[in-house]
Amino acid sequence: MFGHNQVPGIGAAEVPAEAYLLDVRENDEWVAGHAPEAHHVPMHTIPARLDEIPVDRDVVVVCRSGGRSAQVVAYLLQSGRDNVRNLDGGMTAWARAGRPMVNEDGGTPQVA
């Protein structure tokens, strides 16, 4: 379903506040820690949920380290989207850059 060559990317420190952050990780990864404004759409549900992904603003796709999100970016590009970029280094890079994180359990957010 997904394949990728070279996809457009962006560093964690450069993600604009107005970007739509699309987190494609699994539920347990999401619960452990995610960006406060992120939207959770697990990778395997992307084809069925394309209409939830904006076409009129920048979309930054994120996973744990950047591999799965790159595959999703490639899929979205093949689907005719031109407003998508991969978060280089994923949530690991996001956390290293000191960007805000929350979790769903009330504990300390972490990248899982």
PDB file of N, CA and C in Angstrom:
ATOM      1  N   MET A   1       0.820  -1.193   0.000  1.00  0.00           N
ATOM      2  CA  MET A   1       0.000   0.000   0.000  1.00  0.00           C
ATOM      3  C   MET A   1       0.859   1.250   0.000  1.00  0.00           C
ATOM      4  N   PHE A   2       1.895   1.290   0.802  1.00  0.00           N
ATOM      5  CA  PHE A   2       2.730   2.472   0.891  1.00  0.00           C
ATOM      6  C   PHE A   2       4.122   2.154   0.372  1.00  0.00           C
ATOM      7  N   GLY A   3       4.720   3.120  -0.286  1.00  0.00           N
ATOM      8  CA  GLY A   3       6.102   3.011  -0.710  1.00  0.00           C
ATOM      9  C   GLY A   3       6.671   4.411  -0.723  1.00  0.00           C
ATOM     10  N   HIS A   4       7.990   4.531  -0.639  1.00  0.00           N
ATOM     11  CA  HIS A   4       8.521   5.889  -0.666  1.00  0.00           C
ATOM     12  C   HIS A   4       9.916   5.903  -1.249  1.00  0.00           C
ATOM     13  N   ASN A   5      10.183   6.962  -1.953  1.00  0.00           N
ATOM     14  CA  ASN A   5      11.529   7.275  -2.412  1.00  0.00           C
ATOM     15  C   ASN A   5      11.948   8.467  -1.584  1.00  0.00           C
ATOM     16  N   GLN A   6      12.325   9.518  -2.228  1.00  0.00           N
ATOM     17  CA  GLN A   6      12.659  10.747  -1.515  1.00  0.00           C
ATOM     18  C   GLN A   6      11.378  11.549  -1.318  1.00  0.00           C
ATOM     19  N   VAL A   7      11.085  11.929  -0.092  1.00  0.00           N
ATOM     20  CA  VAL A   7       9.887  12.719   0.188  1.00  0.00           C
ATOM     21  C   VAL A   7      10.306  14.039   0.823  1.00  0.00           C
ATOM     22  N   PRO A   8       9.498  15.090   0.635  1.00  0.00           N
ATOM     23  CA  PRO A   8       9.836  16.372   1.258  1.00  0.00           C
ATOM     24  C   PRO A   8       9.759  16.259   2.780  1.00  0.00           C
ATOM     25  N   GLY A   9      10.721  16.869   3.452  1.00  0.00           N
ATOM     26  CA  GLY A   9      10.771  16.799   4.906  1.00  0.00           C
ATOM     27  C   GLY A   9      10.930  18.161   5.534  1.00  0.00           C
ATOM     28  N   ILE A  10      10.774  18.175   6.849  1.00  0.00           N
ATOM     29  CA  ILE A  10      10.932  19.393   7.633  1.00  0.00           C
ATOM     30  C   ILE A  10      11.491  18.992   9.001  1.00  0.00           C
ATOM     31  N   GLY A  11      12.358  19.825   9.551  1.00  0.00           N
ATOM     32  CA  GLY A  11      12.911  19.578  10.878  1.00  0.00           C
ATOM     33  C   GLY A  11      11.919  19.956  11.965  1.00  0.00           C
ATOM     34  N   ALA A  12      12.051  19.334  13.116  1.00  0.00           N
ATOM     35  CA  ALA A  12      11.128  19.577  14.228  1.00  0.00           C
ATOM     36  C   ALA A  12      11.085  21.050  14.631  1.00  0.00           C
ATOM     37  N   ALA A  13      12.211  21.711  14.636  1.00  0.00           N
ATOM     38  CA  ALA A  13      12.259  23.114  15.049  1.00  0.00           C
ATOM     39  C   ALA A  13      11.613  24.049  14.038  1.00  0.00           C
ATOM     40  N   GLU A  14      11.433  23.576  12.795  1.00  0.00           N
ATOM     41  CA  GLU A  14      10.885  24.428  11.739  1.00  0.00           C
ATOM     42  C   GLU A  14       9.389  24.263  11.512  1.00  0.00           C
ATOM     43  N   VAL A  15       8.737  23.342  12.213  1.00  0.00           N
ATOM     44  CA  VAL A  15       7.306  23.107  11.991  1.00  0.00           C
ATOM     45  C   VAL A  15       6.530  24.341  12.442  1.00  0.00           C
ATOM     46  N   PRO A  16       5.805  24.995  11.525  1.00  0.00           N
ATOM     47  CA  PRO A  16       5.054  26.191  11.909  1.00  0.00           C
ATOM     48  C   PRO A  16       3.852  25.846  12.791  1.00  0.00           C
ATOM     49  N   ALA A  17       3.494  26.751  13.661  1.00  0.00           N
ATOM     50  CA  ALA A  17       2.378  26.530  14.591  1.00  0.00           C
ATOM     51  C   ALA A  17       1.071  26.246  13.856  1.00  0.00           C
ATOM     52  N   GLU A  18       0.904  26.811  12.666  1.00  0.00           N
ATOM     53  CA  GLU A  18      -0.362  26.647  11.942  1.00  0.00           C
ATOM     54  C   GLU A  18      -0.428  25.365  11.118  1.00  0.00           C
ATOM     55  N   ALA A  19       0.641  24.585  11.091  1.00  0.00           N
ATOM     56  CA  ALA A  19       0.637  23.333  10.327  1.00  0.00           C
ATOM     57  C   ALA A  19      -0.286  22.312  10.980  1.00  0.00           C
ATOM     58  N   TYR A  20      -0.880  21.472  10.168  1.00  0.00           N
ATOM     59  CA  TYR A  20      -1.695  20.355  10.630  1.00  0.00           C
ATOM     60  C   TYR A  20      -0.736  19.200  10.868  1.00  0.00           C
ATOM     61  N   LEU A  21      -0.555  18.817  12.121  1.00  0.00           N
ATOM     62  CA  LEU A  21       0.371  17.751  12.480  1.00  0.00           C
ATOM     63  C   LEU A  21      -0.397  16.435  12.521  1.00  0.00           C
ATOM     64  N   LEU A  22      -0.068  15.549  11.593  1.00  0.00           N
ATOM     65  CA  LEU A  22      -0.756  14.271  11.425  1.00  0.00           C
ATOM     66  C   LEU A  22       0.109  13.154  12.001  1.00  0.00           C
ATOM     67  N   ASP A  23      -0.302  12.613  13.142  1.00  0.00           N
ATOM     68  CA  ASP A  23       0.443  11.561  13.838  1.00  0.00           C
ATOM     69  C   ASP A  23      -0.104  10.212  13.387  1.00  0.00           C
ATOM     70  N   VAL A  24       0.744   9.414  12.729  1.00  0.00           N
ATOM     71  CA  VAL A  24       0.301   8.148  12.134  1.00  0.00           C
ATOM     72  C   VAL A  24       0.739   6.932  12.948  1.00  0.00           C
ATOM     73  N   ARG A  25       1.164   7.144  14.184  1.00  0.00           N
ATOM     74  CA  ARG A  25       1.620   6.031  15.020  1.00  0.00           C
ATOM     75  C   ARG A  25       0.443   5.215  15.547  1.00  0.00           C
ATOM     76  N   GLU A  26       0.772   4.085  16.149  1.00  0.00           N
ATOM     77  CA  GLU A  26      -0.240   3.215  16.741  1.00  0.00           C
ATOM     78  C   GLU A  26      -0.778   3.830  18.038  1.00  0.00           C
ATOM     79  N   ASN A  27      -1.901   3.308  18.507  1.00  0.00           N
ATOM     80  CA  ASN A  27      -2.576   3.874  19.679  1.00  0.00           C
ATOM     81  C   ASN A  27      -1.689   3.938  20.913  1.00  0.00           C
ATOM     82  N   ASP A  28      -0.924   2.876  21.195  1.00  0.00           N
ATOM     83  CA  ASP A  28      -0.094   2.884  22.397  1.00  0.00           C
ATOM     84  C   ASP A  28       0.997   3.946  22.316  1.00  0.00           C
ATOM     85  N   GLU A  29       1.527   4.188  21.139  1.00  0.00           N
ATOM     86  CA  GLU A  29       2.539   5.230  20.957  1.00  0.00           C
ATOM     87  C   GLU A  29       1.923   6.607  21.181  1.00  0.00           C
ATOM     88  N   TRP A  30       0.725   6.814  20.657  1.00  0.00           N
ATOM     89  CA  TRP A  30      -0.006   8.068  20.814  1.00  0.00           C
ATOM     90  C   TRP A  30      -0.273   8.358  22.287  1.00  0.00           C
ATOM     91  N   VAL A  31      -0.773   7.347  23.010  1.00  0.00           N
ATOM     92  CA  VAL A  31      -1.109   7.512  24.422  1.00  0.00           C
ATOM     93  C   VAL A  31       0.127   7.901  25.230  1.00  0.00           C
ATOM     94  N   ALA A  32       1.275   7.327  24.910  1.00  0.00           N
ATOM     95  CA  ALA A  32       2.511   7.588  25.662  1.00  0.00           C
ATOM     96  C   ALA A  32       2.966   9.032  25.544  1.00  0.00           C
ATOM     97  N   GLY A  33       2.797   9.643  24.373  1.00  0.00           N
ATOM     98  CA  GLY A  33       3.206  11.029  24.206  1.00  0.00           C
ATOM     99  C   GLY A  33       3.051  11.504  22.779  1.00  0.00           C
ATOM    100  N   HIS A  34       2.514  12.701  22.636  1.00  0.00           N
ATOM    101  CA  HIS A  34       2.314  13.291  21.313  1.00  0.00           C
ATOM    102  C   HIS A  34       2.298  14.810  21.414  1.00  0.00           C
ATOM    103  N   ALA A  35       2.412  15.450  20.282  1.00  0.00           N
ATOM    104  CA  ALA A  35       2.335  16.908  20.249  1.00  0.00           C
ATOM    105  C   ALA A  35       0.913  17.336  20.626  1.00  0.00           C
ATOM    106  N   PRO A  36       0.764  18.416  21.392  1.00  0.00           N
ATOM    107  CA  PRO A  36      -0.559  18.822  21.881  1.00  0.00           C
ATOM    108  C   PRO A  36      -1.597  19.052  20.784  1.00  0.00           C
ATOM    109  N   GLU A  37      -1.185  19.596  19.667  1.00  0.00           N
ATOM    110  CA  GLU A  37      -2.137  19.931  18.605  1.00  0.00           C
ATOM    111  C   GLU A  37      -2.221  18.871  17.505  1.00  0.00           C
ATOM    112  N   ALA A  38      -1.579  17.733  17.712  1.00  0.00           N
ATOM    113  CA  ALA A  38      -1.552  16.688  16.684  1.00  0.00           C
ATOM    114  C   ALA A  38      -2.918  16.029  16.517  1.00  0.00           C
ATOM    115  N   HIS A  39      -3.110  15.464  15.341  1.00  0.00           N
ATOM    116  CA  HIS A  39      -4.318  14.714  15.005  1.00  0.00           C
ATOM    117  C   HIS A  39      -3.892  13.268  14.783  1.00  0.00           C
ATOM    118  N   HIS A  40      -4.549  12.346  15.473  1.00  0.00           N
ATOM    119  CA  HIS A  40      -4.151  10.940  15.435  1.00  0.00           C
ATOM    120  C   HIS A  40      -4.947  10.177  14.380  1.00  0.00           C
ATOM    121  N   VAL A  41      -4.243   9.729  13.360  1.00  0.00           N
ATOM    122  CA  VAL A  41      -4.822   8.880  12.324  1.00  0.00           C
ATOM    123  C   VAL A  41      -3.796   7.778  12.060  1.00  0.00           C
ATOM    124  N   PRO A  42      -3.954   6.613  12.703  1.00  0.00           N
ATOM    125  CA  PRO A  42      -2.967   5.547  12.515  1.00  0.00           C
ATOM    126  C   PRO A  42      -2.727   5.227  11.039  1.00  0.00           C
ATOM    127  N   MET A  43      -1.486   4.890  10.714  1.00  0.00           N
ATOM    128  CA  MET A  43      -1.053   4.669   9.334  1.00  0.00           C
ATOM    129  C   MET A  43      -1.998   3.759   8.556  1.00  0.00           C
ATOM    130  N   HIS A  44      -2.401   2.657   9.146  1.00  0.00           N
ATOM    131  CA  HIS A  44      -3.218   1.698   8.408  1.00  0.00           C
ATOM    132  C   HIS A  44      -4.621   2.215   8.099  1.00  0.00           C
ATOM    133  N   THR A  45      -5.029   3.331   8.710  1.00  0.00           N
ATOM    134  CA  THR A  45      -6.366   3.873   8.454  1.00  0.00           C
ATOM    135  C   THR A  45      -6.358   5.040   7.464  1.00  0.00           C
ATOM    136  N   ILE A  46      -5.183   5.450   7.030  1.00  0.00           N
ATOM    137  CA  ILE A  46      -5.068   6.629   6.143  1.00  0.00           C
ATOM    138  C   ILE A  46      -5.946   6.516   4.893  1.00  0.00           C
ATOM    139  N   PRO A  47      -5.885   5.420   4.123  1.00  0.00           N
ATOM    140  CA  PRO A  47      -6.701   5.373   2.900  1.00  0.00           C
ATOM    141  C   PRO A  47      -8.192   5.599   3.154  1.00  0.00           C
ATOM    142  N   ALA A  48      -8.714   5.062   4.240  1.00  0.00           N
ATOM    143  CA  ALA A  48     -10.132   5.208   4.543  1.00  0.00           C
ATOM    144  C   ALA A  48     -10.474   6.577   5.140  1.00  0.00           C
ATOM    145  N   ARG A  49      -9.468   7.316   5.595  1.00  0.00           N
ATOM    146  CA  ARG A  49      -9.715   8.582   6.281  1.00  0.00           C
ATOM    147  C   ARG A  49      -9.097   9.789   5.563  1.00  0.00           C
ATOM    148  N   LEU A  50      -8.844   9.654   4.262  1.00  0.00           N
ATOM    149  CA  LEU A  50      -8.231  10.736   3.486  1.00  0.00           C
ATOM    150  C   LEU A  50      -8.985  12.051   3.615  1.00  0.00           C
ATOM    151  N   ASP A  51     -10.310  11.981   3.694  1.00  0.00           N
ATOM    152  CA  ASP A  51     -11.103  13.214   3.757  1.00  0.00           C
ATOM    153  C   ASP A  51     -10.892  13.999   5.038  1.00  0.00           C
ATOM    154  N   GLU A  52     -10.260  13.398   6.052  1.00  0.00           N
ATOM    155  CA  GLU A  52      -9.963  14.105   7.297  1.00  0.00           C
ATOM    156  C   GLU A  52      -8.681  14.932   7.213  1.00  0.00           C
ATOM    157  N   ILE A  53      -7.889  14.711   6.183  1.00  0.00           N
ATOM    158  CA  ILE A  53      -6.596  15.379   6.045  1.00  0.00           C
ATOM    159  C   ILE A  53      -6.776  16.627   5.190  1.00  0.00           C
ATOM    160  N   PRO A  54      -6.458  17.792   5.721  1.00  0.00           N
ATOM    161  CA  PRO A  54      -6.695  19.040   4.983  1.00  0.00           C
ATOM    162  C   PRO A  54      -5.915  19.117   3.669  1.00  0.00           C
ATOM    163  N   VAL A  55      -6.525  19.796   2.716  1.00  0.00           N
ATOM    164  CA  VAL A  55      -5.860  20.053   1.440  1.00  0.00           C
ATOM    165  C   VAL A  55      -5.489  21.527   1.313  1.00  0.00           C
ATOM    166  N   ASP A  56      -5.959  22.357   2.260  1.00  0.00           N
ATOM    167  CA  ASP A  56      -5.809  23.807   2.150  1.00  0.00           C
ATOM    168  C   ASP A  56      -4.799  24.399   3.133  1.00  0.00           C
ATOM    169  N   ARG A  57      -3.979  23.555   3.756  1.00  0.00           N
ATOM    170  CA  ARG A  57      -2.928  24.045   4.652  1.00  0.00           C
ATOM    171  C   ARG A  57      -1.812  23.019   4.705  1.00  0.00           C
ATOM    172  N   ASP A  58      -0.661  23.433   5.230  1.00  0.00           N
ATOM    173  CA  ASP A  58       0.478  22.528   5.341  1.00  0.00           C
ATOM    174  C   ASP A  58       0.154  21.378   6.283  1.00  0.00           C
ATOM    175  N   VAL A  59       0.523  20.171   5.848  1.00  0.00           N
ATOM    176  CA  VAL A  59       0.350  18.968   6.660  1.00  0.00           C
ATOM    177  C   VAL A  59       1.737  18.384   6.909  1.00  0.00           C
ATOM    178  N   VAL A  60       2.074  18.186   8.181  1.00  0.00           N
ATOM    179  CA  VAL A  60       3.340  17.563   8.566  1.00  0.00           C
ATOM    180  C   VAL A  60       2.997  16.212   9.179  1.00  0.00           C
ATOM    181  N   VAL A  61       3.527  15.144   8.581  1.00  0.00           N
ATOM    182  CA  VAL A  61       3.217  13.782   9.019  1.00  0.00           C
ATOM    183  C   VAL A  61       4.335  13.292   9.933  1.00  0.00           C
ATOM    184  N   VAL A  62       3.944  12.664  11.054  1.00  0.00           N
ATOM    185  CA  VAL A  62       4.920  12.243  12.065  1.00  0.00           C
ATOM    186  C   VAL A  62       4.651  10.817  12.525  1.00  0.00           C
ATOM    187  N   CYS A  63       5.735  10.092  12.784  1.00  0.00           N
ATOM    188  CA  CYS A  63       5.689   8.791  13.446  1.00  0.00           C
ATOM    189  C   CYS A  63       6.790   8.817  14.505  1.00  0.00           C
ATOM    190  N   ARG A  64       7.302   7.680  14.910  1.00  0.00           N
ATOM    191  CA  ARG A  64       8.333   7.666  15.953  1.00  0.00           C
ATOM    192  C   ARG A  64       9.665   8.202  15.440  1.00  0.00           C
ATOM    193  N   SER A  65      10.119   7.700  14.268  1.00  0.00           N
ATOM    194  CA  SER A  65      11.451   8.086  13.794  1.00  0.00           C
ATOM    195  C   SER A  65      11.481   8.636  12.373  1.00  0.00           C
ATOM    196  N   GLY A  66      10.360   8.627  11.684  1.00  0.00           N
ATOM    197  CA  GLY A  66      10.292   9.207  10.352  1.00  0.00           C
ATOM    198  C   GLY A  66      10.088   8.225   9.219  1.00  0.00           C
ATOM    199  N   GLY A  67      10.189   6.930   9.473  1.00  0.00           N
ATOM    200  CA  GLY A  67      10.039   5.930   8.415  1.00  0.00           C
ATOM    201  C   GLY A  67       8.604   5.720   7.969  1.00  0.00           C
ATOM    202  N   ARG A  68       7.726   5.445   8.902  1.00  0.00           N
ATOM    203  CA  ARG A  68       6.312   5.238   8.554  1.00  0.00           C
ATOM    204  C   ARG A  68       5.703   6.517   8.003  1.00  0.00           C
ATOM    205  N   SER A  69       6.043   7.638   8.621  1.00  0.00           N
ATOM    206  CA  SER A  69       5.477   8.908   8.147  1.00  0.00           C
ATOM    207  C   SER A  69       5.951   9.226   6.733  1.00  0.00           C
ATOM    208  N   ALA A  70       7.189   8.861   6.394  1.00  0.00           N
ATOM    209  CA  ALA A  70       7.672   9.058   5.017  1.00  0.00           C
ATOM    210  C   ALA A  70       6.848   8.230   4.044  1.00  0.00           C
ATOM    211  N   GLN A  71       6.475   7.024   4.443  1.00  0.00           N
ATOM    212  CA  GLN A  71       5.633   6.185   3.593  1.00  0.00           C
ATOM    213  C   GLN A  71       4.262   6.822   3.389  1.00  0.00           C
ATOM    214  N   VAL A  72       3.714   7.407   4.453  1.00  0.00           N
ATOM    215  CA  VAL A  72       2.415   8.067   4.351  1.00  0.00           C
ATOM    216  C   VAL A  72       2.526   9.308   3.467  1.00  0.00           C
ATOM    217  N   VAL A  73       3.592  10.083   3.609  1.00  0.00           N
ATOM    218  CA  VAL A  73       3.797  11.251   2.750  1.00  0.00           C
ATOM    219  C   VAL A  73       3.854  10.812   1.291  1.00  0.00           C
ATOM    220  N   ALA A  74       4.592   9.746   0.997  1.00  0.00           N
ATOM    221  CA  ALA A  74       4.682   9.243  -0.378  1.00  0.00           C
ATOM    222  C   ALA A  74       3.301   8.847  -0.893  1.00  0.00           C
ATOM    223  N   TYR A  75       2.523   8.187  -0.067  1.00  0.00           N
ATOM    224  CA  TYR A  75       1.164   7.784  -0.450  1.00  0.00           C
ATOM    225  C   TYR A  75       0.296   9.015  -0.739  1.00  0.00           C
ATOM    226  N   LEU A  76       0.369  10.010   0.140  1.00  0.00           N
ATOM    227  CA  LEU A  76      -0.430  11.223  -0.051  1.00  0.00           C
ATOM    228  C   LEU A  76      -0.003  11.973  -1.312  1.00  0.00           C
ATOM    229  N   LEU A  77       1.300  12.029  -1.580  1.00  0.00           N
ATOM    230  CA  LEU A  77       1.787  12.656  -2.810  1.00  0.00           C
ATOM    231  C   LEU A  77       1.251  11.918  -4.035  1.00  0.00           C
ATOM    232  N   GLN A  78       1.274  10.590  -3.981  1.00  0.00           N
ATOM    233  CA  GLN A  78       0.749   9.788  -5.092  1.00  0.00           C
ATOM    234  C   GLN A  78      -0.758   9.965  -5.254  1.00  0.00           C
ATOM    235  N   SER A  79      -1.419  10.364  -4.172  1.00  0.00           N
ATOM    236  CA  SER A  79      -2.864  10.597  -4.206  1.00  0.00           C
ATOM    237  C   SER A  79      -3.207  12.011  -4.674  1.00  0.00           C
ATOM    238  N   GLY A  80      -2.181  12.768  -5.055  1.00  0.00           N
ATOM    239  CA  GLY A  80      -2.417  14.103  -5.587  1.00  0.00           C
ATOM    240  C   GLY A  80      -2.244  15.238  -4.599  1.00  0.00           C
ATOM    241  N   ARG A  81      -1.844  14.931  -3.385  1.00  0.00           N
ATOM    242  CA  ARG A  81      -1.617  15.994  -2.394  1.00  0.00           C
ATOM    243  C   ARG A  81      -0.247  16.611  -2.637  1.00  0.00           C
ATOM    244  N   ASP A  82      -0.155  17.925  -2.502  1.00  0.00           N
ATOM    245  CA  ASP A  82       1.150  18.589  -2.650  1.00  0.00           C
ATOM    246  C   ASP A  82       1.470  19.448  -1.431  1.00  0.00           C
ATOM    247  N   ASN A  83       0.704  19.275  -0.372  1.00  0.00           N
ATOM    248  CA  ASN A  83       0.847  20.096   0.836  1.00  0.00           C
ATOM    249  C   ASN A  83       1.385  19.294   2.013  1.00  0.00           C
ATOM    250  N   VAL A  84       2.078  18.178   1.748  1.00  0.00           N
ATOM    251  CA  VAL A  84       2.507  17.280   2.826  1.00  0.00           C
ATOM    252  C   VAL A  84       4.027  17.193   2.910  1.00  0.00           C
ATOM    253  N   ARG A  85       4.529  17.105   4.151  1.00  0.00           N
ATOM    254  CA  ARG A  85       5.960  16.925   4.406  1.00  0.00           C
ATOM    255  C   ARG A  85       6.130  15.954   5.564  1.00  0.00           C
ATOM    256  N   ASN A  86       7.255  15.270   5.554  1.00  0.00           N
ATOM    257  CA  ASN A  86       7.602  14.335   6.604  1.00  0.00           C
ATOM    258  C   ASN A  86       8.345  15.067   7.725  1.00  0.00           C
ATOM    259  N   LEU A  87       8.016  14.755   8.974  1.00  0.00           N
ATOM    260  CA  LEU A  87       8.781  15.294  10.096  1.00  0.00           C
ATOM    261  C   LEU A  87      10.050  14.469  10.216  1.00  0.00           C
ATOM    262  N   ASP A  88      11.163  15.034   9.768  1.00  0.00           N
ATOM    263  CA  ASP A  88      12.448  14.339   9.798  1.00  0.00           C
ATOM    264  C   ASP A  88      12.799  13.944  11.231  1.00  0.00           C
ATOM    265  N   GLY A  89      13.043  12.652  11.441  1.00  0.00           N
ATOM    266  CA  GLY A  89      13.394  12.167  12.773  1.00  0.00           C
ATOM    267  C   GLY A  89      12.205  11.874  13.665  1.00  0.00           C
ATOM    268  N   GLY A  90      11.007  12.167  13.210  1.00  0.00           N
ATOM    269  CA  GLY A  90       9.786  11.837  13.930  1.00  0.00           C
ATOM    270  C   GLY A  90       9.666  12.451  15.314  1.00  0.00           C
ATOM    271  N   MET A  91       8.888  11.779  16.162  1.00  0.00           N
ATOM    272  CA  MET A  91       8.672  12.266  17.529  1.00  0.00           C
ATOM    273  C   MET A  91       9.955  12.253  18.342  1.00  0.00           C
ATOM    274  N   THR A  92      10.885  11.391  17.973  1.00  0.00           N
ATOM    275  CA  THR A  92      12.172  11.387  18.662  1.00  0.00           C
ATOM    276  C   THR A  92      12.864  12.734  18.480  1.00  0.00           C
ATOM    277  N   ALA A  93      12.870  13.235  17.254  1.00  0.00           N
ATOM    278  CA  ALA A  93      13.464  14.543  16.974  1.00  0.00           C
ATOM    279  C   ALA A  93      12.636  15.666  17.602  1.00  0.00           C
ATOM    280  N   TRP A  94      11.324  15.511  17.601  1.00  0.00           N
ATOM    281  CA  TRP A  94      10.426  16.504  18.205  1.00  0.00           C
ATOM    282  C   TRP A  94      10.781  16.681  19.684  1.00  0.00           C
ATOM    283  N   ALA A  95      10.914  15.560  20.398  1.00  0.00           N
ATOM    284  CA  ALA A  95      11.244  15.610  21.821  1.00  0.00           C
ATOM    285  C   ALA A  95      12.642  16.188  22.040  1.00  0.00           C
ATOM    286  N   ARG A  96      13.599  15.775  21.212  1.00  0.00           N
ATOM    287  CA  ARG A  96      14.974  16.290  21.336  1.00  0.00           C
ATOM    288  C   ARG A  96      15.034  17.792  21.105  1.00  0.00           C
ATOM    289  N   ALA A  97      14.157  18.307  20.250  1.00  0.00           N
ATOM    290  CA  ALA A  97      14.131  19.738  19.956  1.00  0.00           C
ATOM    291  C   ALA A  97      13.428  20.535  21.055  1.00  0.00           C
ATOM    292  N   GLY A  98      12.899  19.833  22.062  1.00  0.00           N
ATOM    293  CA  GLY A  98      12.230  20.522  23.167  1.00  0.00           C
ATOM    294  C   GLY A  98      10.837  21.001  22.837  1.00  0.00           C
ATOM    295  N   ARG A  99      10.235  20.441  21.786  1.00  0.00           N
ATOM    296  CA  ARG A  99       8.870  20.832  21.419  1.00  0.00           C
ATOM    297  C   ARG A  99       7.894  20.241  22.436  1.00  0.00           C
ATOM    298  N   PRO A 100       6.752  20.875  22.652  1.00  0.00           N
ATOM    299  CA  PRO A 100       5.825  20.413  23.690  1.00  0.00           C
ATOM    300  C   PRO A 100       5.235  19.034  23.382  1.00  0.00           C
ATOM    301  N   MET A 101       4.993  18.290  24.456  1.00  0.00           N
ATOM    302  CA  MET A 101       4.363  16.982  24.354  1.00  0.00           C
ATOM    303  C   MET A 101       3.377  16.809  25.501  1.00  0.00           C
ATOM    304  N   VAL A 102       2.348  16.019  25.263  1.00  0.00           N
ATOM    305  CA  VAL A 102       1.367  15.628  26.270  1.00  0.00           C
ATOM    306  C   VAL A 102       1.159  14.128  26.142  1.00  0.00           C
ATOM    307  N   ASN A 103       0.519  13.544  27.157  1.00  0.00           N
ATOM    308  CA  ASN A 103       0.128  12.141  27.007  1.00  0.00           C
ATOM    309  C   ASN A 103      -1.314  11.980  27.468  1.00  0.00           C
ATOM    310  N   GLU A 104      -1.847  10.810  27.260  1.00  0.00           N
ATOM    311  CA  GLU A 104      -3.249  10.569  27.558  1.00  0.00           C
ATOM    312  C   GLU A 104      -3.468   9.949  28.935  1.00  0.00           C
ATOM    313  N   ASP A 105      -2.400   9.633  29.657  1.00  0.00           N
ATOM    314  CA  ASP A 105      -2.511   8.974  30.949  1.00  0.00           C
ATOM    315  C   ASP A 105      -2.247   9.903  32.130  1.00  0.00           C
ATOM    316  N   GLY A 106      -1.926  11.159  31.868  1.00  0.00           N
ATOM    317  CA  GLY A 106      -1.665  12.101  32.940  1.00  0.00           C
ATOM    318  C   GLY A 106      -0.252  12.032  33.490  1.00  0.00           C
ATOM    319  N   GLY A 107       0.608  11.193  32.923  1.00  0.00           N
ATOM    320  CA  GLY A 107       1.979  11.088  33.380  1.00  0.00           C
ATOM    321  C   GLY A 107       2.903  11.935  32.547  1.00  0.00           C
ATOM    322  N   THR A 108       4.180  11.656  32.664  1.00  0.00           N
ATOM    323  CA  THR A 108       5.170  12.366  31.874  1.00  0.00           C
ATOM    324  C   THR A 108       5.158  11.835  30.446  1.00  0.00           C
ATOM    325  N   PRO A 109       4.984  12.698  29.461  1.00  0.00           N
ATOM    326  CA  PRO A 109       4.974  12.237  28.075  1.00  0.00           C
ATOM    327  C   PRO A 109       6.319  11.658  27.668  1.00  0.00           C
ATOM    328  N   GLN A 110       6.276  10.633  26.850  1.00  0.00           N
ATOM    329  CA  GLN A 110       7.511  10.030  26.322  1.00  0.00           C
ATOM    330  C   GLN A 110       7.243   9.506  24.923  1.00  0.00           C
ATOM    331  N   VAL A 111       8.307   9.348  24.173  1.00  0.00           N
ATOM    332  CA  VAL A 111       8.216   8.767  22.837  1.00  0.00           C
ATOM    333  C   VAL A 111       8.321   7.265  22.996  1.00  0.00           C
ATOM    334  N   ALA A 112       7.272   6.570  22.601  1.00  0.00           N
ATOM    335  CA  ALA A 112       7.252   5.103  22.719  1.00  0.00           C
ATOM    336  C   ALA A 112       7.272   4.455  21.358  1.00  0.00           C
TER     337      ALA A 112
END
